[in-house]
C-alpha atoms as a PDB file:
ATOM      1  CA  MET A   1      -4.956-115.001 -31.354  1.00  0.00           C
ATOM      2  CA  PRO A   2      -3.137-116.235 -28.721  1.00  0.00           C
ATOM      3  CA  GLU A   3      -5.234-116.208 -25.332  1.00  0.00           C
ATOM      4  CA  SER A   4      -2.344-113.720 -23.474  1.00  0.00           C
ATOM      5  CA  THR A   5      -3.510-111.064 -25.545  1.00  0.00           C
ATOM      6  CA  LYS A   6      -7.130-111.326 -25.098  1.00  0.00           C
ATOM      7  CA  LYS A   7      -6.444-111.574 -21.146  1.00  0.00           C
ATOM      8  CA  LYS A   8      -4.589-108.174 -21.431  1.00  0.00           C
ATOM      9  CA  LYS A   9      -7.251-106.315 -23.444  1.00  0.00           C
ATOM     10  CA  THR A  10      -9.806-107.484 -21.149  1.00  0.00           C
ATOM     11  CA  THR A  11      -7.962-106.196 -18.181  1.00  0.00           C
ATOM     12  CA  LYS A  12      -7.462-102.713 -19.537  1.00  0.00           C
ATOM     13  CA  LYS A  13     -11.128-102.271 -19.987  1.00  0.00           C
ATOM     14  CA  LYS A  14     -12.027-103.392 -16.619  1.00  0.00           C
ATOM     15  CA  THR A  15      -9.298-100.642 -15.096  1.00  0.00           C
ATOM     16  CA  SER A  16     -10.613 -97.906 -17.401  1.00  0.00           C
ATOM     17  CA  LYS A  17     -14.315 -98.249 -16.068  1.00  0.00           C
ATOM     18  CA  LYS A  18     -13.303 -98.369 -12.639  1.00  0.00           C
ATOM     19  CA  LYS A  19     -11.597 -95.088 -13.382  1.00  0.00           C
ATOM     20  CA  THR A  20     -14.474 -93.451 -14.571  1.00  0.00           C
ATOM     21  CA  SER A  21     -16.465 -94.391 -12.185  1.00  0.00           C
ATOM     22  CA  LYS A  22     -14.325 -93.593  -9.059  1.00  0.00           C
ATOM     23  CA  LYS A  23     -14.214 -90.125 -10.763  1.00  0.00           C
ATOM     24  CA  LYS A  24     -18.142 -89.907 -11.134  1.00  0.00           C
ATOM     25  CA  ALA A  25     -18.501 -91.035  -7.463  1.00  0.00           C
ATOM     26  CA  SER A  26     -15.730 -88.413  -6.175  1.00  0.00           C
ATOM     27  CA  THR A  27     -17.575 -85.491  -8.355  1.00  0.00           C
ATOM     28  CA  LYS A  28     -21.275 -86.396  -7.157  1.00  0.00           C
ATOM     29  CA  LYS A  29     -19.975 -85.927  -3.530  1.00  0.00           C
ATOM     30  CA  SER A  30     -18.091 -82.941  -4.030  1.00  0.00           C
ATOM     31  CA  LEU A  31     -20.856 -80.713  -5.836  1.00  0.00           C
ATOM     32  CA  PRO A  32     -23.579 -79.199  -3.733  1.00  0.00           C
ATOM     33  CA  SER A  33     -27.234 -80.651  -4.065  1.00  0.00           C
ATOM     34  CA  LYS A  34     -29.817 -78.786  -6.391  1.00  0.00           C
ATOM     35  CA  ARG A  35     -32.309 -76.718  -5.429  1.00  0.00           C
ATOM     36  CA  LYS A  36     -36.080 -78.489  -5.648  1.00  0.00           C
ATOM     37  CA  SER A  37     -37.245 -75.492  -7.644  1.00  0.00           C
ATOM     38  CA  GLY A  38     -34.565 -75.954 -10.683  1.00  0.00           C
ATOM     39  CA  GLY A  39     -31.603 -74.988 -12.535  1.00  0.00           C
ATOM     40  CA  ASP A  40     -28.450 -77.197 -13.429  1.00  0.00           C
ATOM     41  CA  LYS A  41     -25.903 -74.759 -11.442  1.00  0.00           C
ATOM     42  CA  PRO A  42     -25.859 -74.800  -7.797  1.00  0.00           C
ATOM     43  CA  ASP A  43     -26.789 -71.264  -6.111  1.00  0.00           C
ATOM     44  CA  PHE A  44     -24.281 -69.048  -4.145  1.00  0.00           C
ATOM     45  CA  PHE A  45     -26.381 -69.957  -0.854  1.00  0.00           C
ATOM     46  CA  ASP A  46     -26.051 -73.408  -1.433  1.00  0.00           C
ATOM     47  CA  LYS A  47     -22.416 -73.600  -1.521  1.00  0.00           C
ATOM     48  CA  ILE A  48     -21.910 -71.843   1.426  1.00  0.00           C
ATOM     49  CA  LEU A  49     -24.540 -74.193   3.167  1.00  0.00           C
ATOM     50  CA  ASN A  50     -22.469 -76.996   1.444  1.00  0.00           C
ATOM     51  CA  ILE A  51     -19.015 -75.909   2.706  1.00  0.00           C
ATOM     52  CA  ASP A  52     -17.386 -79.055   4.428  1.00  0.00           C
ATOM     53  CA  ARG A  53     -15.932 -78.202   8.053  1.00  0.00           C
ATOM     54  CA  LYS A  54     -12.278 -77.408   6.889  1.00  0.00           C
ATOM     55  CA  THR A  55     -13.341 -75.083   4.301  1.00  0.00           C
ATOM     56  CA  ALA A  56     -15.399 -73.220   7.374  1.00  0.00           C
ATOM     57  CA  THR A  57     -12.487 -73.007   9.428  1.00  0.00           C
ATOM     58  CA  LYS A  58     -10.324 -71.422   6.452  1.00  0.00           C
ATOM     59  CA  PHE A  59     -13.032 -69.227   5.889  1.00  0.00           C
ATOM     60  CA  LEU A  60     -12.931 -68.264   9.848  1.00  0.00           C
ATOM     61  CA  ILE A  61      -8.936 -67.621   9.811  1.00  0.00           C
ATOM     62  CA  LYS A  62      -8.786 -65.505   6.748  1.00  0.00           C
ATOM     63  CA  GLY A  63     -11.832 -63.435   8.026  1.00  0.00           C
ATOM     64  CA  ILE A  64     -10.129 -63.080  11.644  1.00  0.00           C
ATOM     65  CA  ILE A  65      -6.896 -62.203  10.102  1.00  0.00           C
ATOM     66  CA  ILE A  66      -8.551 -59.463   7.518  1.00  0.00           C
ATOM     67  CA  ALA A  67     -10.461 -57.993  10.468  1.00  0.00           C
ATOM     68  CA  ILE A  68      -7.569 -57.737  12.649  1.00  0.00           C
ATOM     69  CA  ILE A  69      -5.460 -55.792   9.773  1.00  0.00           C
ATOM     70  CA  PHE A  70      -7.948 -53.633   8.794  1.00  0.00           C
ATOM     71  CA  GLY A  71      -8.793 -53.239  12.477  1.00  0.00           C
ATOM     72  CA  THR A  72      -5.219 -52.244  13.058  1.00  0.00           C
ATOM     73  CA  ILE A  73      -5.127 -49.571  10.266  1.00  0.00           C
ATOM     74  CA  SER A  74      -8.335 -48.118  11.354  1.00  0.00           C
ATOM     75  CA  ILE A  75      -7.086 -47.565  15.504  1.00  0.00           C
ATOM     76  CA  VAL A  76      -3.553 -46.571  13.973  1.00  0.00           C
ATOM     77  CA  SER A  77      -5.166 -44.097  11.968  1.00  0.00           C
ATOM     78  CA  ASP A  78      -7.451 -42.680  14.690  1.00  0.00           C
ATOM     79  CA  SER A  79      -4.096 -42.262  16.970  1.00  0.00           C
ATOM     80  CA  ILE A  80      -2.569 -40.252  14.077  1.00  0.00           C
ATOM     81  CA  ALA A  81      -5.440 -38.079  14.353  1.00  0.00           C
ATOM     82  CA  ASN A  82      -5.771 -37.815  18.101  1.00  0.00           C
ATOM     83  CA  ASN A  83      -2.080 -36.886  18.115  1.00  0.00           C
ATOM     84  CA  ALA A  84      -2.255 -34.579  15.220  1.00  0.00           C
ATOM     85  CA  THR A  85      -2.595 -31.407  17.532  1.00  0.00           C
ATOM     86  CA  ASP A  86       0.271 -32.146  19.892  1.00  0.00           C
ATOM     87  CA  TRP A  87       2.325 -32.770  16.958  1.00  0.00           C
ATOM     88  CA  GLU A  88       1.377 -29.348  15.850  1.00  0.00           C
ATOM     89  CA  ASN A  89       1.932 -27.730  19.217  1.00  0.00           C
ATOM     90  CA  MET A  90       5.471 -29.163  19.302  1.00  0.00           C
ATOM     91  CA  GLN A  91       6.415 -27.877  15.620  1.00  0.00           C
ATOM     92  CA  ASP A  92       4.869 -24.408  16.698  1.00  0.00           C
ATOM     93  CA  GLU A  93       7.343 -24.397  19.182  1.00  0.00           C
ATOM     94  CA  ARG A  94       9.931 -25.487  17.527  1.00  0.00           C
ATOM     95  CA  ASN A  95       9.322 -23.084  14.566  1.00  0.00           C
ATOM     96  CA  GLU A  96       8.971 -20.027  17.423  1.00  0.00           C
ATOM     97  CA  ILE A  97      12.361 -21.082  18.813  1.00  0.00           C
ATOM     98  CA  ALA A  98      14.067 -21.066  15.609  1.00  0.00           C
ATOM     99  CA  TYR A  99      12.914 -17.906  14.634  1.00  0.00           C
ATOM    100  CA  TRP A 100      13.871 -16.317  18.398  1.00  0.00           C
ATOM    101  CA  THR A 101      17.442 -17.377  18.123  1.00  0.00           C
ATOM    102  CA  GLY A 102      17.597 -15.899  14.510  1.00  0.00           C
ATOM    103  CA  GLU A 103      17.772 -18.965  12.429  1.00  0.00           C
ATOM    104  CA  TYR A 104      15.632 -17.422  10.155  1.00  0.00           C
ATOM    105  CA  GLY A 105      13.714 -14.640   9.572  1.00  0.00           C
ATOM    106  CA  TYR A 106       9.862 -13.789   9.770  1.00  0.00           C
ATOM    107  CA  GLN A 107       9.269 -14.796   6.407  1.00  0.00           C
ATOM    108  CA  GLN A 108      10.440 -18.146   6.836  1.00  0.00           C
ATOM    109  CA  TYR A 109       8.642 -18.257   9.810  1.00  0.00           C
ATOM    110  CA  MET A 110       5.313 -17.532   8.163  1.00  0.00           C
ATOM    111  CA  GLU A 111       6.084 -20.162   5.710  1.00  0.00           C
ATOM    112  CA  ARG A 112       6.921 -23.002   7.978  1.00  0.00           C
ATOM    113  CA  ASN A 113       3.807 -21.770  10.037  1.00  0.00           C
ATOM    114  CA  ARG A 114       1.535 -22.126   7.308  1.00  0.00           C
ATOM    115  CA  GLU A 115       3.060 -25.905   6.426  1.00  0.00           C
ATOM    116  CA  ILE A 116       2.809 -27.231  10.017  1.00  0.00           C
ATOM    117  CA  ASP A 117      -0.855 -26.290   9.992  1.00  0.00           C
ATOM    118  CA  VAL A 118      -1.518 -27.911   6.256  1.00  0.00           C
ATOM    119  CA  ILE A 119       0.282 -31.075   7.785  1.00  0.00           C
ATOM    120  CA  GLY A 120      -1.532 -31.050  10.812  1.00  0.00           C
ATOM    121  CA  ASP A 121      -4.795 -30.427   8.955  1.00  0.00           C
ATOM    122  CA  TRP A 122      -3.915 -33.483   6.817  1.00  0.00           C
ATOM    123  CA  LEU A 123      -2.665 -35.364   9.697  1.00  0.00           C
ATOM    124  CA  ARG A 124      -6.630 -35.101  10.918  1.00  0.00           C
ATOM    125  CA  PHE A 125      -8.188 -35.521   7.856  1.00  0.00           C
ATOM    126  CA  GLN A 126      -6.548 -38.638   6.678  1.00  0.00           C
ATOM    127  CA  GLU A 127      -8.708 -40.348   9.639  1.00  0.00           C
ATOM    128  CA  ALA A 128     -11.861 -40.174   7.073  1.00  0.00           C
ATOM    129  CA  ILE A 129     -10.296 -41.153   4.304  1.00  0.00           C
ATOM    130  CA  PHE A 130      -8.473 -44.865   6.097  1.00  0.00           C
ATOM    131  CA  ALA A 131     -11.180 -45.212   8.489  1.00  0.00           C
ATOM    132  CA  ASN A 132     -13.701 -45.781   6.168  1.00  0.00           C
ATOM    133  CA  ILE A 133     -11.264 -48.065   4.135  1.00  0.00           C
ATOM    134  CA  ALA A 134     -11.039 -49.980   7.538  1.00  0.00           C
ATOM    135  CA  ARG A 135     -14.375 -50.473   8.303  1.00  0.00           C
ATOM    136  CA  ILE A 136     -14.925 -51.476   4.873  1.00  0.00           C
ATOM    137  CA  GLY A 137     -12.208 -54.301   5.021  1.00  0.00           C
ATOM    138  CA  THR A 138     -13.418 -54.972   8.703  1.00  0.00           C
ATOM    139  CA  ASN A 139     -16.671 -55.535   7.472  1.00  0.00           C
ATOM    140  CA  VAL A 140     -15.228 -58.078   4.450  1.00  0.00           C
ATOM    141  CA  GLY A 141     -13.436 -59.963   7.439  1.00  0.00           C
ATOM    142  CA  LEU A 142     -16.777 -60.305   9.213  1.00  0.00           C
ATOM    143  CA  ILE A 143     -18.449 -61.445   6.378  1.00  0.00           C
ATOM    144  CA  PHE A 144     -16.118 -64.169   5.656  1.00  0.00           C
ATOM    145  CA  VAL A 145     -16.381 -64.943   9.711  1.00  0.00           C
ATOM    146  CA  LEU A 146     -20.034 -65.278   8.979  1.00  0.00           C
ATOM    147  CA  ILE A 147     -19.773 -67.785   6.124  1.00  0.00           C
ATOM    148  CA  ALA A 148     -17.627 -69.925   8.093  1.00  0.00           C
ATOM    149  CA  PHE A 149     -20.276 -69.928  11.327  1.00  0.00           C
ATOM    150  CA  VAL A 150     -23.273 -70.513   9.002  1.00  0.00           C
ATOM    151  CA  GLY A 151     -21.256 -73.551   7.483  1.00  0.00           C
ATOM    152  CA  TYR A 152     -20.625 -74.733  10.755  1.00  0.00           C
ATOM    153  CA  THR A 153     -24.154 -74.441  11.306  1.00  0.00           C
ATOM    154  CA  ALA A 154     -25.165 -76.147   8.035  1.00  0.00           C
ATOM    155  CA  ASP A 155     -22.857 -79.148   8.690  1.00  0.00           C
ATOM    156  CA  LYS A 156     -24.737 -82.132   9.994  1.00  0.00           C
ATOM    157  CA  ASP A 157     -21.546 -84.061  11.315  1.00  0.00           C
ATOM    158  CA  MET A 158     -21.387 -81.430  14.083  1.00  0.00           C
ATOM    159  CA  ASN A 159     -22.987 -81.749  17.913  1.00  0.00           C
ATOM    160  CA  LYS A 160     -26.555 -80.300  17.667  1.00  0.00           C
ATOM    161  CA  HIS A 161     -24.983 -77.982  20.447  1.00  0.00           C
ATOM    162  CA  MET A 162     -21.925 -76.403  18.845  1.00  0.00           C
ATOM    163  CA  ARG A 163     -24.374 -76.043  15.625  1.00  0.00           C
ATOM    164  CA  LEU A 164     -26.446 -73.800  17.831  1.00  0.00           C
ATOM    165  CA  VAL A 165     -23.579 -72.062  18.860  1.00  0.00           C
ATOM    166  CA  SER A 166     -22.599 -71.347  15.783  1.00  0.00           C
ATOM    167  CA  LEU A 167     -25.823 -70.165  14.649  1.00  0.00           C
ATOM    168  CA  ILE A 168     -26.098 -67.527  17.993  1.00  0.00           C
ATOM    169  CA  LEU A 169     -22.292 -66.346  16.648  1.00  0.00           C
ATOM    170  CA  ALA A 170     -23.277 -65.657  13.272  1.00  0.00           C
ATOM    171  CA  GLY A 171     -26.201 -64.013  14.348  1.00  0.00           C
ATOM    172  CA  ILE A 172     -23.876 -61.870  16.647  1.00  0.00           C
ATOM    173  CA  VAL A 173     -21.671 -61.351  13.157  1.00  0.00           C
ATOM    174  CA  VAL A 174     -24.561 -60.022  11.765  1.00  0.00           C
ATOM    175  CA  THR A 175     -25.663 -57.881  14.119  1.00  0.00           C
ATOM    176  CA  VAL A 176     -22.337 -56.368  14.284  1.00  0.00           C
ATOM    177  CA  ILE A 177     -21.748 -55.718  10.762  1.00  0.00           C
ATOM    178  CA  MET A 178     -25.125 -54.154  10.242  1.00  0.00           C
ATOM    179  CA  PHE A 179     -24.769 -51.988  13.185  1.00  0.00           C
ATOM    180  CA  THR A 180     -21.019 -50.768  11.980  1.00  0.00           C
ATOM    181  CA  SER A 181     -22.293 -50.494   8.525  1.00  0.00           C
ATOM    182  CA  LEU A 182     -24.941 -48.292   8.799  1.00  0.00           C
ATOM    183  CA  PHE A 183     -24.308 -45.924  11.921  1.00  0.00           C
ATOM    184  CA  THR A 184     -21.056 -43.924  12.304  1.00  0.00           C
ATOM    185  CA  ASN A 185     -20.884 -43.315  15.778  1.00  0.00           C
ATOM    186  CA  ILE A 186     -21.002 -46.632  16.929  1.00  0.00           C
ATOM    187  CA  ALA A 187     -17.630 -48.786  17.343  1.00  0.00           C
ATOM    188  CA  VAL A 188     -16.708 -51.674  19.303  1.00  0.00           C
ATOM    189  CA  ASN A 189     -14.265 -51.481  21.814  1.00  0.00           C
ATOM    190  CA  ILE A 190     -12.779 -54.294  23.618  1.00  0.00           C
ATOM    191  CA  ALA A 191     -10.909 -52.993  26.655  1.00  0.00           C
END
């Protein structure tokens, strides 16, 4: 065999070895470390503790956006329920004016009056449905924020004081989630 073909074969083998070693090195860095108690797959909590700063920041941003969206839904629902009585009074006034001016008769007036009462009740009752859905959504967003702060706390590259602040903020978020989930009349208002 000529020498040039031998050299090509040896160089191909060397490059293929380099590629596999790079792949092995990159997978070792990205996988979370295994627990000492055993198991091949990393635990959910190990994954949370081994997230990097970029992933923690993504969790923080997503959690804040989710909490803002569901908090806005809760505020709008509460506003609709609070203004349902005003809407009902306005519609009753219009109904009476239309009856007294002769636009329609007594039967139509009574039907319209019942419709106004039903719609008013629904406007008040929708708060129970949407506020509970919004509470669940807000707590999911706060869980994302909690995961982000735990990730910041476990990051060894961060400053010691920043890690402490992240731990304190994670504790505050857990407290807010706990009280808003377990008790119904507690709400956090920022004015």
